[in-house]
Amino acid sequence: MKTKKVTHRNALSSKELPEFFHKLENFDTHPIVRLATKMLIHTFVRTGELRHATWDEIDFEERVWHIPAARMKMDADHIVPLTDQTIGFLNELKEYNGKRQHVFASPSRPKQGLSENAILNLLYRMGYKGKATGHGFRATASTTLNEMGYNPDAIERQLAHAETNKIRAAYNRSEYMEERIVLMRDWSNYLDSVSNKVVPLHSNIK
């Protein structure tokens, strides 16, 4: 029996986040790329899912982002609860891309989403080559949220990981939605507190 190969992504630890946010806020880059990086950290979706987001997927009234199955790795619709912070990022993005199809339209090619390497190149220029990738923020979120004591199943659903149990895989994509709404709100608040160094790194959020 073959063992499935595991690919380890470069990811920051929670202790490295304050310095990262400070660098990100002050680094010379286009505002769209900066906002895309922030959105990626706060939502921990896959980079491709973020780059190709369109405004019709965003429901400001219900405070959710509906990612269609066609753009998901696991070919199933995915819901991302939006927080005060992520809605703030989206409102900022309206100033640049509000009249364009893509939420994260490329500054140089406005009819397209950001290039595949836009965020990765920013991380490299910031000095994080070999230390962080866009995909690695998913690992950062997963590790930190599990350490905080959140329901692992809710975290897995929000990560849109494949369900190995076929019966459970048939459940509606909204499974654990109430927990996920709280989880995403707390995650955004945690990132805010870390970036502003308001509270200790080891949060006691439950």
C-alpha atoms as a PDB file:
ATOM      1  CA  MET A   1       0.000   0.000   0.000  1.00  0.00           C
ATOM      2  CA  LYS A   2       1.432   3.367  -1.037  1.00  0.00           C
ATOM      3  CA  THR A   3       1.674   6.153   1.495  1.00  0.00           C
ATOM      4  CA  LYS A   4       0.133   9.417   0.360  1.00  0.00           C
ATOM      5  CA  LYS A   5       2.788  12.041  -0.149  1.00  0.00           C
ATOM      6  CA  VAL A   6       2.321  15.057   2.121  1.00  0.00           C
ATOM      7  CA  THR A   7       3.436  18.461   0.878  1.00  0.00           C
ATOM      8  CA  HIS A   8       4.526  20.814   3.620  1.00  0.00           C
ATOM      9  CA  ARG A   9       3.873  24.490   2.883  1.00  0.00           C
ATOM     10  CA  ASN A  10       5.969  27.288   4.262  1.00  0.00           C
ATOM     11  CA  ALA A  11       3.811  28.887   6.938  1.00  0.00           C
ATOM     12  CA  LEU A  12       4.232  31.502   9.648  1.00  0.00           C
ATOM     13  CA  SER A  13       3.640  30.731  13.303  1.00  0.00           C
ATOM     14  CA  SER A  14       1.350  32.905  15.410  1.00  0.00           C
ATOM     15  CA  LYS A  15       4.441  34.428  17.047  1.00  0.00           C
ATOM     16  CA  GLU A  16       5.640  35.698  13.669  1.00  0.00           C
ATOM     17  CA  LEU A  17       2.366  37.425  12.763  1.00  0.00           C
ATOM     18  CA  PRO A  18       2.923  40.789  14.530  1.00  0.00           C
ATOM     19  CA  GLU A  19       6.138  41.479  12.611  1.00  0.00           C
ATOM     20  CA  PHE A  20       4.538  40.261   9.389  1.00  0.00           C
ATOM     21  CA  PHE A  21       1.554  42.599   9.701  1.00  0.00           C
ATOM     22  CA  HIS A  22       3.823  45.523  10.516  1.00  0.00           C
ATOM     23  CA  LYS A  23       5.882  44.851   7.381  1.00  0.00           C
ATOM     24  CA  LEU A  24       2.796  44.327   5.235  1.00  0.00           C
ATOM     25  CA  GLU A  25       1.218  47.593   6.343  1.00  0.00           C
ATOM     26  CA  ASN A  26       4.341  49.600   5.595  1.00  0.00           C
ATOM     27  CA  PHE A  27       5.679  47.801   2.533  1.00  0.00           C
ATOM     28  CA  ASP A  28       5.640  49.517  -0.867  1.00  0.00           C
ATOM     29  CA  THR A  29       3.105  47.580  -2.930  1.00  0.00           C
ATOM     30  CA  HIS A  30      -0.127  48.260  -4.775  1.00  0.00           C
ATOM     31  CA  PRO A  31      -3.140  48.606  -2.409  1.00  0.00           C
ATOM     32  CA  ILE A  32      -5.006  45.850  -4.275  1.00  0.00           C
ATOM     33  CA  VAL A  33      -2.198  43.366  -3.618  1.00  0.00           C
ATOM     34  CA  ARG A  34      -1.960  44.453   0.027  1.00  0.00           C
ATOM     35  CA  LEU A  35      -5.720  44.063   0.501  1.00  0.00           C
ATOM     36  CA  ALA A  36      -5.675  40.693  -1.273  1.00  0.00           C
ATOM     37  CA  THR A  37      -2.987  39.478   1.124  1.00  0.00           C
ATOM     38  CA  LYS A  38      -4.980  40.663   4.131  1.00  0.00           C
ATOM     39  CA  MET A  39      -8.137  39.032   2.786  1.00  0.00           C
ATOM     40  CA  LEU A  40      -6.238  35.796   2.206  1.00  0.00           C
ATOM     41  CA  ILE A  41      -5.020  35.699   5.806  1.00  0.00           C
ATOM     42  CA  HIS A  42      -8.414  36.554   7.279  1.00  0.00           C
ATOM     43  CA  THR A  43     -10.400  34.060   5.161  1.00  0.00           C
ATOM     44  CA  PHE A  44      -7.690  31.387   4.652  1.00  0.00           C
ATOM     45  CA  VAL A  45      -9.157  30.355   1.303  1.00  0.00           C
ATOM     46  CA  ARG A  46      -6.897  29.002  -1.417  1.00  0.00           C
ATOM     47  CA  THR A  47      -5.059  31.630  -3.434  1.00  0.00           C
ATOM     48  CA  GLY A  48      -6.810  30.707  -6.683  1.00  0.00           C
ATOM     49  CA  GLU A  49     -10.210  30.957  -5.029  1.00  0.00           C
ATOM     50  CA  LEU A  50      -9.381  34.484  -3.928  1.00  0.00           C
ATOM     51  CA  ARG A  51      -7.743  35.731  -7.133  1.00  0.00           C
ATOM     52  CA  HIS A  52     -10.758  34.907  -9.285  1.00  0.00           C
ATOM     53  CA  ALA A  53     -13.449  36.158  -6.898  1.00  0.00           C
ATOM     54  CA  THR A  54     -16.181  38.193  -8.607  1.00  0.00           C
ATOM     55  CA  TRP A  55     -18.483  40.770  -7.054  1.00  0.00           C
ATOM     56  CA  ASP A  56     -21.594  38.673  -7.693  1.00  0.00           C
ATOM     57  CA  GLU A  57     -20.225  36.106  -5.228  1.00  0.00           C
ATOM     58  CA  ILE A  58     -20.255  38.646  -2.396  1.00  0.00           C
ATOM     59  CA  ASP A  59     -23.468  39.064  -0.404  1.00  0.00           C
ATOM     60  CA  PHE A  60     -22.988  42.133   1.769  1.00  0.00           C
ATOM     61  CA  GLU A  61     -26.471  41.873   3.265  1.00  0.00           C
ATOM     62  CA  GLU A  62     -26.056  38.274   4.431  1.00  0.00           C
ATOM     63  CA  ARG A  63     -22.350  38.856   5.121  1.00  0.00           C
ATOM     64  CA  VAL A  64     -21.154  35.805   3.180  1.00  0.00           C
ATOM     65  CA  TRP A  65     -18.957  35.038   0.195  1.00  0.00           C
ATOM     66  CA  HIS A  66     -20.308  32.204  -1.952  1.00  0.00           C
ATOM     67  CA  ILE A  67     -17.525  30.484  -3.893  1.00  0.00           C
ATOM     68  CA  PRO A  68     -19.030  28.285  -6.651  1.00  0.00           C
ATOM     69  CA  ALA A  69     -18.058  24.639  -7.001  1.00  0.00           C
ATOM     70  CA  ALA A  70     -16.404  25.318 -10.354  1.00  0.00           C
ATOM     71  CA  ARG A  71     -13.678  27.303  -8.597  1.00  0.00           C
ATOM     72  CA  MET A  72     -13.225  24.967  -5.629  1.00  0.00           C
ATOM     73  CA  LYS A  73     -10.587  22.254  -5.462  1.00  0.00           C
ATOM     74  CA  MET A  74     -13.132  19.759  -4.116  1.00  0.00           C
ATOM     75  CA  ASP A  75     -15.842  20.657  -6.670  1.00  0.00           C
ATOM     76  CA  ALA A  76     -18.346  21.736  -4.032  1.00  0.00           C
ATOM     77  CA  ASP A  77     -19.794  25.172  -3.270  1.00  0.00           C
ATOM     78  CA  HIS A  78     -18.123  26.888  -0.334  1.00  0.00           C
ATOM     79  CA  ILE A  79     -19.348  29.596   2.014  1.00  0.00           C
ATOM     80  CA  VAL A  80     -17.010  32.075   3.696  1.00  0.00           C
ATOM     81  CA  PRO A  81     -18.636  34.100   6.506  1.00  0.00           C
ATOM     82  CA  LEU A  82     -17.600  37.743   6.221  1.00  0.00           C
ATOM     83  CA  THR A  83     -16.444  39.683   9.263  1.00  0.00           C
ATOM     84  CA  ASP A  84     -16.354  43.394   9.994  1.00  0.00           C
ATOM     85  CA  GLN A  85     -12.710  43.364   8.918  1.00  0.00           C
ATOM     86  CA  THR A  86     -13.180  41.492   5.631  1.00  0.00           C
ATOM     87  CA  ILE A  87     -16.189  43.622   4.717  1.00  0.00           C
ATOM     88  CA  GLY A  88     -13.946  46.621   5.370  1.00  0.00           C
ATOM     89  CA  PHE A  89     -11.349  45.236   2.951  1.00  0.00           C
ATOM     90  CA  LEU A  90     -14.051  44.700   0.322  1.00  0.00           C
ATOM     91  CA  ASN A  91     -15.341  48.233   0.714  1.00  0.00           C
ATOM     92  CA  GLU A  92     -11.796  49.527   0.200  1.00  0.00           C
ATOM     93  CA  LEU A  93     -11.487  47.368  -2.896  1.00  0.00           C
ATOM     94  CA  LYS A  94     -14.638  48.942  -4.331  1.00  0.00           C
ATOM     95  CA  GLU A  95     -12.643  52.149  -4.731  1.00  0.00           C
ATOM     96  CA  TYR A  96     -10.318  50.371  -7.162  1.00  0.00           C
ATOM     97  CA  ASN A  97     -12.364  47.542  -8.660  1.00  0.00           C
ATOM     98  CA  GLY A  98     -15.986  48.338  -7.878  1.00  0.00           C
ATOM     99  CA  LYS A  99     -16.854  48.709 -11.571  1.00  0.00           C
ATOM    100  CA  ARG A 100     -14.870  45.661 -12.643  1.00  0.00           C
ATOM    101  CA  GLN A 101     -15.896  42.007 -12.670  1.00  0.00           C
ATOM    102  CA  HIS A 102     -13.172  40.761 -10.351  1.00  0.00           C
ATOM    103  CA  VAL A 103     -12.919  41.798  -6.725  1.00  0.00           C
ATOM    104  CA  PHE A 104      -9.135  41.506  -6.961  1.00  0.00           C
ATOM    105  CA  ALA A 105      -8.713  42.743 -10.525  1.00  0.00           C
ATOM    106  CA  SER A 106      -5.101  43.125 -11.600  1.00  0.00           C
ATOM    107  CA  PRO A 107      -3.828  46.727 -11.465  1.00  0.00           C
ATOM    108  CA  SER A 108      -2.128  46.208 -14.843  1.00  0.00           C
ATOM    109  CA  ARG A 109      -4.799  43.996 -16.482  1.00  0.00           C
ATOM    110  CA  PRO A 110      -8.110  45.157 -14.987  1.00  0.00           C
ATOM    111  CA  LYS A 111     -10.204  42.641 -16.947  1.00  0.00           C
ATOM    112  CA  GLN A 112      -8.404  39.801 -15.180  1.00  0.00           C
ATOM    113  CA  GLY A 113      -7.916  38.743 -11.593  1.00  0.00           C
ATOM    114  CA  LEU A 114      -4.539  39.102  -9.911  1.00  0.00           C
ATOM    115  CA  SER A 115      -1.755  37.032 -11.403  1.00  0.00           C
ATOM    116  CA  GLU A 116      -0.920  33.666  -9.867  1.00  0.00           C
ATOM    117  CA  ASN A 117       2.293  34.989  -8.333  1.00  0.00           C
ATOM    118  CA  ALA A 118       1.176  38.466  -7.234  1.00  0.00           C
ATOM    119  CA  ILE A 119       0.907  37.611  -3.536  1.00  0.00           C
ATOM    120  CA  LEU A 120       3.861  35.220  -3.593  1.00  0.00           C
ATOM    121  CA  ASN A 121       6.080  37.874  -5.176  1.00  0.00           C
ATOM    122  CA  LEU A 122       5.041  40.344  -2.475  1.00  0.00           C
ATOM    123  CA  LEU A 123       5.975  37.841   0.227  1.00  0.00           C
ATOM    124  CA  TYR A 124       9.339  37.261  -1.427  1.00  0.00           C
ATOM    125  CA  ARG A 125      10.046  40.987  -1.647  1.00  0.00           C
ATOM    126  CA  MET A 126       9.103  41.350   2.009  1.00  0.00           C
ATOM    127  CA  GLY A 127      11.814  38.835   2.891  1.00  0.00           C
ATOM    128  CA  TYR A 128       9.643  35.749   3.397  1.00  0.00           C
ATOM    129  CA  LYS A 129      10.986  33.557   0.613  1.00  0.00           C
ATOM    130  CA  GLY A 130      11.186  30.042   2.015  1.00  0.00           C
ATOM    131  CA  LYS A 131       9.247  31.185   5.093  1.00  0.00           C
ATOM    132  CA  ALA A 132       5.713  31.929   3.883  1.00  0.00           C
ATOM    133  CA  THR A 133       3.395  31.361   0.921  1.00  0.00           C
ATOM    134  CA  GLY A 134      -0.188  32.331   0.249  1.00  0.00           C
ATOM    135  CA  HIS A 135      -1.251  28.734   0.765  1.00  0.00           C
ATOM    136  CA  GLY A 136       0.719  28.626   3.998  1.00  0.00           C
ATOM    137  CA  PHE A 137      -1.738  31.022   5.647  1.00  0.00           C
ATOM    138  CA  ARG A 138      -4.228  28.141   5.677  1.00  0.00           C
ATOM    139  CA  ALA A 139      -1.827  26.159   7.828  1.00  0.00           C
ATOM    140  CA  THR A 140      -1.243  29.163  10.088  1.00  0.00           C
ATOM    141  CA  ALA A 141      -4.992  29.564  10.623  1.00  0.00           C
ATOM    142  CA  SER A 142      -5.597  25.847  11.126  1.00  0.00           C
ATOM    143  CA  THR A 143      -2.792  25.430  13.645  1.00  0.00           C
ATOM    144  CA  THR A 144      -3.649  28.557  15.620  1.00  0.00           C
ATOM    145  CA  LEU A 145      -7.409  27.920  15.726  1.00  0.00           C
ATOM    146  CA  ASN A 146      -6.890  24.324  16.824  1.00  0.00           C
ATOM    147  CA  GLU A 147      -4.543  25.518  19.555  1.00  0.00           C
ATOM    148  CA  MET A 148      -7.242  27.983  20.667  1.00  0.00           C
ATOM    149  CA  GLY A 149      -9.622  25.080  21.190  1.00  0.00           C
ATOM    150  CA  TYR A 150     -12.133  25.562  18.381  1.00  0.00           C
ATOM    151  CA  ASN A 151     -14.079  22.594  17.019  1.00  0.00           C
ATOM    152  CA  PRO A 152     -11.708  20.791  14.605  1.00  0.00           C
ATOM    153  CA  ASP A 153     -14.640  19.747  12.399  1.00  0.00           C
ATOM    154  CA  ALA A 154     -15.747  23.370  11.996  1.00  0.00           C
ATOM    155  CA  ILE A 155     -12.183  24.362  11.131  1.00  0.00           C
ATOM    156  CA  GLU A 156     -11.961  21.584   8.527  1.00  0.00           C
ATOM    157  CA  ARG A 157     -15.272  22.640   6.968  1.00  0.00           C
ATOM    158  CA  GLN A 158     -14.073  26.239   6.761  1.00  0.00           C
ATOM    159  CA  LEU A 159     -10.857  25.066   5.142  1.00  0.00           C
ATOM    160  CA  ALA A 160     -13.043  23.209   2.611  1.00  0.00           C
ATOM    161  CA  HIS A 161     -11.031  20.050   3.060  1.00  0.00           C
ATOM    162  CA  ALA A 162     -12.298  16.825   1.537  1.00  0.00           C
ATOM    163  CA  GLU A 163     -14.451  14.693   3.822  1.00  0.00           C
ATOM    164  CA  THR A 164     -13.182  11.115   3.835  1.00  0.00           C
ATOM    165  CA  ASN A 165     -16.470   9.770   5.235  1.00  0.00           C
ATOM    166  CA  LYS A 166     -18.869   9.510   2.265  1.00  0.00           C
ATOM    167  CA  ILE A 167     -21.990   9.912   4.406  1.00  0.00           C
ATOM    168  CA  ARG A 168     -20.680  13.040   6.106  1.00  0.00           C
ATOM    169  CA  ALA A 169     -19.450  14.340   2.760  1.00  0.00           C
ATOM    170  CA  ALA A 170     -23.066  14.363   1.578  1.00  0.00           C
ATOM    171  CA  TYR A 171     -24.061  16.870   4.258  1.00  0.00           C
ATOM    172  CA  ASN A 172     -24.961  20.369   3.174  1.00  0.00           C
ATOM    173  CA  ARG A 173     -22.058  22.773   2.687  1.00  0.00           C
ATOM    174  CA  SER A 174     -23.556  24.875   5.497  1.00  0.00           C
ATOM    175  CA  GLU A 175     -22.576  22.248   8.094  1.00  0.00           C
ATOM    176  CA  TYR A 176     -21.283  23.901  11.283  1.00  0.00           C
ATOM    177  CA  MET A 177     -22.215  27.282   9.829  1.00  0.00           C
ATOM    178  CA  GLU A 178     -23.118  28.882  13.156  1.00  0.00           C
ATOM    179  CA  GLU A 179     -19.783  27.773  14.619  1.00  0.00           C
ATOM    180  CA  ARG A 180     -17.964  28.920  11.499  1.00  0.00           C
ATOM    181  CA  ILE A 181     -19.479  32.397  11.727  1.00  0.00           C
ATOM    182  CA  VAL A 182     -18.162  32.715  15.288  1.00  0.00           C
ATOM    183  CA  LEU A 183     -14.834  31.146  14.331  1.00  0.00           C
ATOM    184  CA  MET A 184     -14.247  33.597  11.475  1.00  0.00           C
ATOM    185  CA  ARG A 185     -15.295  36.580  13.590  1.00  0.00           C
ATOM    186  CA  ASP A 186     -12.925  35.556  16.365  1.00  0.00           C
ATOM    187  CA  TRP A 187     -10.119  34.849  13.897  1.00  0.00           C
ATOM    188  CA  SER A 188     -10.410  38.321  12.373  1.00  0.00           C
ATOM    189  CA  ASN A 189     -10.511  39.896  15.837  1.00  0.00           C
ATOM    190  CA  TYR A 190      -7.484  37.840  16.850  1.00  0.00           C
ATOM    191  CA  LEU A 191      -5.540  38.975  13.782  1.00  0.00           C
ATOM    192  CA  ASP A 192      -6.465  42.579  14.553  1.00  0.00           C
ATOM    193  CA  SER A 193      -5.267  42.237  18.124  1.00  0.00           C
ATOM    194  CA  VAL A 194      -2.041  40.568  17.018  1.00  0.00           C
ATOM    195  CA  SER A 195      -1.323  43.153  14.340  1.00  0.00           C
ATOM    196  CA  ASN A 196      -1.983  45.983  16.784  1.00  0.00           C
ATOM    197  CA  LYS A 197      -0.248  44.195  19.674  1.00  0.00           C
ATOM    198  CA  VAL A 198      -3.219  44.947  21.895  1.00  0.00           C
ATOM    199  CA  VAL A 199      -3.372  41.562  23.630  1.00  0.00           C
ATOM    200  CA  PRO A 200      -0.840  38.762  24.249  1.00  0.00           C
ATOM    201  CA  LEU A 201      -0.182  36.400  21.370  1.00  0.00           C
ATOM    202  CA  HIS A 202      -1.625  33.409  23.189  1.00  0.00           C
ATOM    203  CA  SER A 203      -5.322  34.273  23.033  1.00  0.00           C
ATOM    204  CA  ASN A 204      -7.745  32.762  25.537  1.00  0.00           C
ATOM    205  CA  ILE A 205     -10.616  32.918  23.067  1.00  0.00           C
ATOM    206  CA  LYS A 206     -12.729  29.765  23.209  1.00  0.00           C
END
